[in-house]
Amino acid sequence: MASAETRTTAREHDLLEAARAGDEDAYGQLLASYRGELHAHCYRMLGSVHDAEDALQEASLRAWRALGRFEERSSLRSWLYTIATNTCLNQIARRPKRVLPIDYGPSTDPHDGLGLPLAETVWVEPYPDETMGVEDGLASPDARFERRESLELAFVAALQLLPATQRAVLILREVLGYSAKEVAATLGTTVASVNSALQRARKTIDDKLPERSQQETLRALGDEQLTQIVDAYMDALQRGDVPRVVSMLAEDAAWSMPPLPTWFGGTEEITGFLEFGPLSGAWRWRHRPTRVNGQAAVGAYTWDDEEGAYLPFALDVLTFEGDRIKEVTAFITRTAEGTEQDFYTNWPTQPLDRARFVFEQFGLPGRLD
């Protein structure tokens, strides 16, 4: 079987020697070419951009301290993945798993309001795959899932339902294409244990994932048709045209808004939510297209009288089933924990700095004048 392993290059060997002698710049150059893929790996493991950043920083520090013990029997890439994976496993042991609202509880009657947001640590976070430089295609010939496919919301959310070791095994084997022997070495276990964990993880993942990934669906739609659908979606929202928005949804569509646990299932519930809430006429909206988690997405801005501008409010990540929208996962960026959040009364307007930062991560402007 082919392997995801590649040997350390001559240039890396020279940089390693310099780094071992205390050259921090050389060490930075060593990490630079792997940072994007390691960050994506940590995100798959943890379901959070912030946790992934923390894990990568901790792994980088661990690698720096352990350089003297790296004997180059494996590639630098494999060694870094080993450290990053085990750092993530340590983080997982210290915190609750992350989910999406659909995995958290049943759908809600739109007349019941939206309730209180839960702590942000509960929720899977959106991932700026394009600005992080995630590449298309497979990580290795033995990988089962494409790089972007393995960052889709459904896939990342399904990963978080797996026990930590199964999660690591599935990512290392199916996303990165490492052999069972390499994974066993990474996790300090046996090949038999790796194969057993992979079998159980595959069943869970296959039961949770749709028949077609978003990468397959978007390729089938083509860029032109996808642009037309997203443009029509944005136009209908800006006009407050509820029937038009609903007509673009699948019959069993779902609409969720993390960090709120509330979500609405089916066109009837979603119609009620839109009529009572964001498209009631009390809000003025503008939208810009982007990509999030390898999927089509829209940045939603609301008018603010004090600022005299449209300010960031939510990232609507669109999941397609054919040419219909199967799910809208609206990651709200402007919430205040511990206070009543209700579209039907008054929504807090702070903190704006964080909302702007999130939008800019996804290549969107921090305000629309």
Protein backbone atom coordinates (compact mmCIF):
# COMPACT_ATOMS: atom_id res chain seq x y z
CA MET A 1 0.00 0.00 0.00
CA ALA A 2 1.20 3.51 -0.80
CA SER A 3 1.74 5.82 2.13
CA ALA A 4 1.11 9.44 2.98
CA GLU A 5 4.66 9.46 4.36
CA THR A 6 7.28 11.53 2.55
CA ARG A 7 10.91 11.75 3.53
CA THR A 8 12.50 14.88 4.94
CA THR A 9 13.93 16.99 2.12
CA ALA A 10 17.51 18.28 1.94
CA ARG A 11 16.33 21.83 2.59
CA GLU A 12 14.32 20.70 5.62
CA HIS A 13 17.36 18.83 6.92
CA ASP A 14 19.44 22.02 6.71
CA LEU A 15 16.73 24.04 8.45
CA LEU A 16 16.44 21.34 11.10
CA GLU A 17 20.13 21.54 11.85
CA ALA A 18 19.88 25.32 12.19
CA ALA A 19 16.76 25.06 14.35
CA ARG A 20 18.42 22.50 16.63
CA ALA A 21 21.20 25.04 17.12
CA GLY A 22 18.61 27.54 18.36
CA ASP A 23 17.70 29.39 15.14
CA GLU A 24 14.03 30.32 15.68
CA ASP A 25 13.76 31.79 12.17
CA ALA A 26 14.80 28.46 10.66
CA TYR A 27 12.19 26.73 12.81
CA GLY A 28 9.54 29.19 11.60
CA GLN A 29 10.43 28.39 8.00
CA LEU A 30 10.13 24.67 8.72
CA LEU A 31 6.62 25.09 10.09
CA ALA A 32 5.43 27.58 7.48
CA SER A 33 4.90 25.05 4.70
CA TYR A 34 2.83 22.78 6.97
CA ARG A 35 0.91 25.33 9.00
CA GLY A 36 -2.22 25.44 6.80
CA GLU A 37 -2.73 21.68 6.63
CA LEU A 38 -1.94 21.22 10.34
CA HIS A 39 -4.45 23.94 11.23
CA ALA A 40 -7.11 22.19 9.15
CA HIS A 41 -6.21 18.90 10.84
CA CYS A 42 -6.66 20.43 14.29
CA TYR A 43 -9.99 21.92 13.19
CA ARG A 44 -11.26 18.51 12.04
CA MET A 45 -10.26 17.07 15.40
CA LEU A 46 -11.74 19.90 17.50
CA GLY A 47 -14.52 21.52 15.44
CA SER A 48 -13.36 25.01 16.37
CA VAL A 49 -11.09 27.56 14.70
CA HIS A 50 -10.07 28.99 18.06
CA ASP A 51 -9.33 25.60 19.59
CA ALA A 52 -7.42 24.63 16.45
CA GLU A 53 -5.27 27.75 16.75
CA ASP A 54 -4.58 27.02 20.42
CA ALA A 55 -3.73 23.39 19.66
CA LEU A 56 -1.42 24.34 16.81
CA GLN A 57 0.43 26.86 18.95
CA GLU A 58 0.86 24.28 21.72
CA ALA A 59 1.99 21.64 19.20
CA SER A 60 4.49 24.08 17.67
CA LEU A 61 5.97 24.75 21.11
CA ARG A 62 6.15 21.02 21.86
CA ALA A 63 7.88 20.36 18.55
CA TRP A 64 10.41 23.14 19.19
CA ARG A 65 11.28 21.66 22.58
CA ALA A 66 11.53 18.14 21.12
CA LEU A 67 13.66 18.95 18.05
CA GLY A 68 16.71 17.40 19.60
CA ARG A 69 14.90 14.06 19.85
CA PHE A 70 13.69 14.02 16.22
CA GLU A 71 15.94 11.44 14.53
CA GLU A 72 14.44 11.80 11.01
CA ARG A 73 13.38 8.16 10.89
CA SER A 74 10.03 9.46 9.70
CA SER A 75 9.33 12.59 7.69
CA LEU A 76 9.07 15.97 9.37
CA ARG A 77 5.44 16.12 8.20
CA SER A 78 4.58 12.82 9.89
CA TRP A 79 6.36 13.86 13.08
CA LEU A 80 4.45 17.16 13.22
CA TYR A 81 1.14 15.39 12.62
CA THR A 82 1.92 13.03 15.50
CA ILE A 83 2.51 15.94 17.86
CA ALA A 84 -0.54 17.88 16.61
CA THR A 85 -2.82 14.84 16.87
CA ASN A 86 -1.82 14.03 20.43
CA THR A 87 -2.13 17.69 21.42
CA CYS A 88 -5.70 17.66 20.10
CA LEU A 89 -6.46 14.43 21.97
CA ASN A 90 -5.35 16.13 25.19
CA GLN A 91 -7.65 19.09 24.45
CA ILE A 92 -10.61 16.81 23.73
CA ALA A 93 -10.18 15.16 27.13
CA ARG A 94 -10.50 18.56 28.84
CA ARG A 95 -13.65 19.94 27.23
CA PRO A 96 -17.17 19.00 26.06
CA LYS A 97 -17.70 17.92 22.47
CA ARG A 98 -18.95 20.45 19.93
CA VAL A 99 -22.19 19.97 17.99
CA LEU A 100 -24.60 21.79 15.67
CA PRO A 101 -28.10 22.70 16.94
CA ILE A 102 -29.68 19.89 14.88
CA ASP A 103 -27.64 17.36 16.89
CA TYR A 104 -28.37 19.13 20.18
CA GLY A 105 -32.15 18.87 20.46
CA PRO A 106 -35.50 18.77 18.60
CA SER A 107 -36.79 21.49 16.29
CA THR A 108 -38.75 24.42 17.71
CA ASP A 109 -42.14 26.01 17.10
CA PRO A 110 -41.43 29.48 15.64
CA HIS A 111 -44.09 31.00 17.95
CA ASP A 112 -42.01 30.03 20.99
CA GLY A 113 -39.25 32.56 20.27
CA LEU A 114 -35.54 31.89 20.06
CA GLY A 115 -34.56 31.64 23.72
CA LEU A 116 -31.11 31.97 25.23
CA PRO A 117 -27.81 31.32 23.47
CA LEU A 118 -25.69 28.58 24.99
CA ALA A 119 -21.99 28.99 25.68
CA GLU A 120 -20.02 29.18 22.44
CA THR A 121 -17.86 26.23 23.49
CA VAL A 122 -20.82 23.94 22.74
CA TRP A 123 -20.96 24.66 19.02
CA VAL A 124 -19.03 23.65 15.94
CA GLU A 125 -17.55 26.81 14.41
CA PRO A 126 -17.30 27.81 10.73
CA TYR A 127 -13.94 27.39 9.01
CA PRO A 128 -12.27 29.85 6.56
CA ASP A 129 -10.81 27.13 4.33
CA GLU A 130 -10.01 29.45 1.41
CA THR A 131 -8.16 32.09 3.43
CA MET A 132 -6.31 29.29 5.28
CA GLY A 133 -5.06 27.99 1.93
CA VAL A 134 -6.69 24.55 2.03
CA GLU A 135 -6.02 22.81 -1.29
CA ASP A 136 -8.44 20.90 -3.50
CA GLY A 137 -8.20 17.17 -4.11
CA LEU A 138 -6.93 14.30 -1.98
CA ALA A 139 -4.16 14.60 0.60
CA SER A 140 -2.71 11.29 -0.68
CA PRO A 141 -3.67 8.51 -3.11
CA ASP A 142 -4.93 6.39 -0.19
CA ALA A 143 -7.25 9.08 1.22
CA ARG A 144 -10.97 8.39 1.00
CA PHE A 145 -12.19 11.95 1.51
CA GLU A 146 -11.07 15.11 -0.30
CA ARG A 147 -9.43 17.87 1.72
CA ARG A 148 -12.38 20.27 1.37
CA GLU A 149 -14.92 17.45 1.64
CA SER A 150 -13.46 16.63 5.05
CA LEU A 151 -14.06 20.25 6.16
CA GLU A 152 -17.76 20.34 5.24
CA LEU A 153 -20.09 21.05 8.15
CA ALA A 154 -21.79 17.66 8.02
CA PHE A 155 -18.46 15.84 8.08
CA VAL A 156 -16.91 17.94 10.87
CA ALA A 157 -20.10 17.69 12.97
CA ALA A 158 -20.16 13.91 12.48
CA LEU A 159 -16.51 13.67 13.53
CA GLN A 160 -17.31 15.37 16.83
CA LEU A 161 -19.75 12.55 17.67
CA LEU A 162 -16.94 9.99 17.57
CA PRO A 163 -14.85 9.02 20.60
CA ALA A 164 -11.52 10.82 20.47
CA THR A 165 -9.38 7.89 19.36
CA GLN A 166 -11.83 6.85 16.63
CA ARG A 167 -11.88 10.44 15.43
CA ALA A 168 -8.10 10.57 15.18
CA VAL A 169 -7.90 7.18 13.44
CA LEU A 170 -10.51 8.07 10.85
CA ILE A 171 -8.89 11.41 10.02
CA LEU A 172 -5.39 9.98 9.79
CA ARG A 173 -6.47 7.00 7.68
CA GLU A 174 -9.34 8.34 5.52
CA VAL A 175 -8.46 12.04 5.15
CA LEU A 176 -4.65 12.00 5.26
CA GLY A 177 -4.14 8.50 3.86
CA TYR A 178 -1.69 7.19 6.45
CA SER A 179 -1.31 3.42 6.72
CA ALA A 180 -2.62 1.51 9.73
CA LYS A 181 0.99 0.94 10.83
CA GLU A 182 1.77 4.68 10.69
CA VAL A 183 -1.42 5.53 12.61
CA ALA A 184 -0.58 2.94 15.25
CA ALA A 185 2.84 4.55 15.69
CA THR A 186 1.26 8.01 15.93
CA LEU A 187 -1.21 6.96 18.62
CA GLY A 188 1.05 4.53 20.46
CA THR A 189 -1.23 1.54 19.87
CA THR A 190 -1.45 -1.60 17.72
CA VAL A 191 -2.45 -2.07 14.10
CA ALA A 192 -5.30 -4.33 15.24
CA SER A 193 -6.64 -1.58 17.51
CA VAL A 194 -6.40 0.96 14.68
CA ASN A 195 -8.32 -1.28 12.28
CA SER A 196 -11.01 -1.96 14.89
CA ALA A 197 -11.41 1.74 15.68
CA LEU A 198 -11.58 2.59 11.99
CA GLN A 199 -14.33 0.04 11.38
CA ARG A 200 -16.50 1.50 14.17
CA ALA A 201 -15.79 5.08 13.10
CA ARG A 202 -16.68 4.38 9.48
CA LYS A 203 -20.10 3.04 10.47
CA THR A 204 -20.93 6.13 12.51
CA ILE A 205 -19.73 8.53 9.83
CA ASP A 206 -21.45 6.71 6.96
CA ASP A 207 -24.74 6.69 8.90
CA LYS A 208 -24.54 10.46 9.49
CA LEU A 209 -23.35 11.71 6.11
CA PRO A 210 -25.62 12.36 3.10
CA GLU A 211 -25.21 10.26 -0.02
CA ARG A 212 -23.40 13.06 -1.86
CA SER A 213 -20.87 15.46 -0.41
CA GLN A 214 -21.20 19.18 -1.00
CA GLN A 215 -18.13 19.06 -3.24
CA GLU A 216 -19.88 16.55 -5.53
CA THR A 217 -23.15 18.51 -5.41
CA LEU A 218 -21.51 21.85 -6.19
CA ARG A 219 -19.55 20.37 -9.08
CA ALA A 220 -22.79 18.95 -10.50
CA LEU A 221 -24.50 22.35 -10.21
CA GLY A 222 -21.62 24.19 -11.84
CA ASP A 223 -20.39 27.69 -11.02
CA GLU A 224 -22.96 29.50 -13.17
CA GLN A 225 -26.04 27.81 -11.71
CA LEU A 226 -24.67 28.03 -8.18
CA THR A 227 -24.10 31.77 -8.58
CA GLN A 228 -27.66 32.20 -9.87
CA ILE A 229 -29.12 30.35 -6.88
CA VAL A 230 -27.04 32.24 -4.32
CA ASP A 231 -27.85 35.58 -5.97
CA ALA A 232 -31.57 34.73 -5.93
CA TYR A 233 -31.34 33.73 -2.26
CA MET A 234 -29.65 37.02 -1.32
CA ASP A 235 -32.12 39.06 -3.37
CA ALA A 236 -35.13 37.34 -1.79
CA LEU A 237 -33.77 37.96 1.72
CA GLN A 238 -33.07 41.62 1.00
CA ARG A 239 -36.60 42.07 -0.37
CA GLY A 240 -38.14 40.24 2.59
CA ASP A 241 -39.77 37.82 0.15
CA VAL A 242 -40.59 34.85 2.40
CA PRO A 243 -42.39 32.73 -0.26
CA ARG A 244 -39.43 33.14 -2.61
CA VAL A 245 -36.91 32.09 0.04
CA VAL A 246 -39.02 29.08 1.03
CA SER A 247 -39.45 28.05 -2.61
CA MET A 248 -35.69 27.57 -2.81
CA LEU A 249 -35.65 25.13 0.12
CA ALA A 250 -36.05 21.36 0.16
CA GLU A 251 -39.31 20.18 1.79
CA ASP A 252 -37.43 18.80 4.80
CA ALA A 253 -35.00 21.72 5.02
CA ALA A 254 -33.56 22.85 8.36
CA TRP A 255 -32.59 26.34 9.55
CA SER A 256 -30.36 26.78 12.60
CA MET A 257 -28.53 29.72 14.19
CA PRO A 258 -25.66 28.81 16.52
CA PRO A 259 -25.04 29.89 19.28
CA LEU A 260 -28.83 29.59 19.70
CA PRO A 261 -29.95 26.00 20.34
CA THR A 262 -33.16 26.74 18.43
CA TRP A 263 -33.64 25.32 14.96
CA PHE A 264 -36.59 24.96 12.59
CA GLY A 265 -37.38 21.94 10.43
CA GLY A 266 -39.58 21.82 7.33
CA THR A 267 -40.91 24.65 5.19
CA GLU A 268 -43.89 25.40 7.45
CA GLU A 269 -41.76 26.02 10.54
CA ILE A 270 -39.17 27.95 8.56
CA THR A 271 -41.91 30.12 7.01
CA GLY A 272 -43.18 31.02 10.48
CA PHE A 273 -39.67 31.81 11.69
CA LEU A 274 -38.90 34.07 8.73
CA GLU A 275 -42.26 35.89 8.98
CA PHE A 276 -41.95 36.50 12.73
CA GLY A 277 -38.25 37.09 12.72
CA PRO A 278 -35.62 38.27 10.21
CA LEU A 279 -38.04 38.99 7.33
CA SER A 280 -40.79 40.57 9.46
CA GLY A 281 -39.95 44.00 8.06
CA ALA A 282 -38.22 45.18 11.25
CA TRP A 283 -34.78 44.52 9.75
CA ARG A 284 -32.94 45.91 6.75
CA TRP A 285 -30.52 43.45 5.19
CA ARG A 286 -27.64 43.35 2.75
CA HIS A 287 -25.67 40.26 1.74
CA ARG A 288 -22.37 39.25 0.16
CA PRO A 289 -21.40 35.78 -1.15
CA THR A 290 -18.43 33.85 0.23
CA ARG A 291 -17.25 30.28 0.90
CA VAL A 292 -17.27 28.61 4.31
CA ASN A 293 -16.18 25.03 5.09
CA GLY A 294 -15.85 24.40 1.36
CA GLN A 295 -19.53 25.31 0.90
CA ALA A 296 -21.49 28.18 -0.60
CA ALA A 297 -22.21 30.82 2.02
CA VAL A 298 -23.56 34.34 2.46
CA GLY A 299 -22.50 37.10 4.83
CA ALA A 300 -25.61 38.84 6.23
CA TYR A 301 -25.42 42.48 7.31
CA THR A 302 -28.05 44.51 9.20
CA TRP A 303 -28.56 48.27 9.09
CA ASP A 304 -27.38 50.20 12.16
CA ASP A 305 -28.69 53.75 12.56
CA GLU A 306 -25.91 54.85 14.91
CA GLU A 307 -23.15 53.61 12.62
CA GLY A 308 -24.97 54.68 9.46
CA ALA A 309 -23.92 51.43 7.82
CA TYR A 310 -24.77 47.76 7.41
CA LEU A 311 -22.85 45.77 10.01
CA PRO A 312 -21.97 42.04 10.15
CA PHE A 313 -24.60 39.83 11.71
CA ALA A 314 -24.37 36.21 10.55
CA LEU A 315 -22.69 33.80 8.16
CA ASP A 316 -25.33 31.70 6.36
CA VAL A 317 -23.68 28.44 5.30
CA LEU A 318 -25.79 26.75 2.61
CA THR A 319 -25.97 22.98 2.26
CA PHE A 320 -27.45 21.86 -1.06
CA GLU A 321 -29.42 18.80 -2.09
CA GLY A 322 -29.48 18.99 -5.87
CA ASP A 323 -30.49 22.55 -6.71
CA ARG A 324 -32.46 23.03 -3.46
CA ILE A 325 -31.12 24.33 -0.16
CA LYS A 326 -31.25 21.50 2.35
CA GLU A 327 -29.85 23.39 5.34
CA VAL A 328 -29.11 26.97 6.32
CA THR A 329 -26.67 27.14 9.23
CA ALA A 330 -26.58 30.81 10.18
CA PHE A 331 -23.60 31.39 12.46
CA ILE A 332 -24.64 34.53 14.33
CA THR A 333 -21.64 36.70 15.13
CA ARG A 334 -23.39 39.32 17.30
CA THR A 335 -24.72 37.84 20.51
CA ALA A 336 -24.42 38.56 24.20
CA GLU A 337 -24.27 35.45 26.35
CA GLY A 338 -26.70 35.18 29.24
CA THR A 339 -29.28 37.67 27.93
CA GLU A 340 -32.55 36.98 26.17
CA GLN A 341 -32.00 36.84 22.42
CA ASP A 342 -35.14 37.36 20.40
CA PHE A 343 -35.62 38.57 16.84
CA TYR A 344 -39.16 39.44 17.85
CA THR A 345 -38.14 42.03 20.50
CA ASN A 346 -34.61 43.39 20.62
CA TRP A 347 -31.33 41.90 19.44
CA PRO A 348 -28.08 43.14 21.05
CA THR A 349 -25.79 45.17 18.81
CA GLN A 350 -22.49 44.33 20.51
CA PRO A 351 -19.75 43.19 20.31
CA LEU A 352 -19.05 44.51 16.84
CA ASP A 353 -15.27 44.08 16.84
CA ARG A 354 -15.56 40.31 17.03
CA ALA A 355 -18.22 40.23 14.30
CA ARG A 356 -16.04 42.30 11.98
CA PHE A 357 -13.03 40.08 12.69
CA VAL A 358 -15.03 36.93 11.87
CA PHE A 359 -16.29 38.38 8.59
CA GLU A 360 -12.84 39.53 7.55
CA GLN A 361 -11.53 35.98 8.17
CA PHE A 362 -13.89 34.88 5.40
CA GLY A 363 -12.87 37.61 2.96
CA LEU A 364 -15.88 39.82 3.71
CA PRO A 365 -15.80 43.55 4.50
CA GLY A 366 -16.29 44.58 8.12
CA ARG A 367 -19.09 47.00 7.15
CA LEU A 368 -21.13 48.07 4.15
CA ASP A 369 -21.73 51.82 3.88
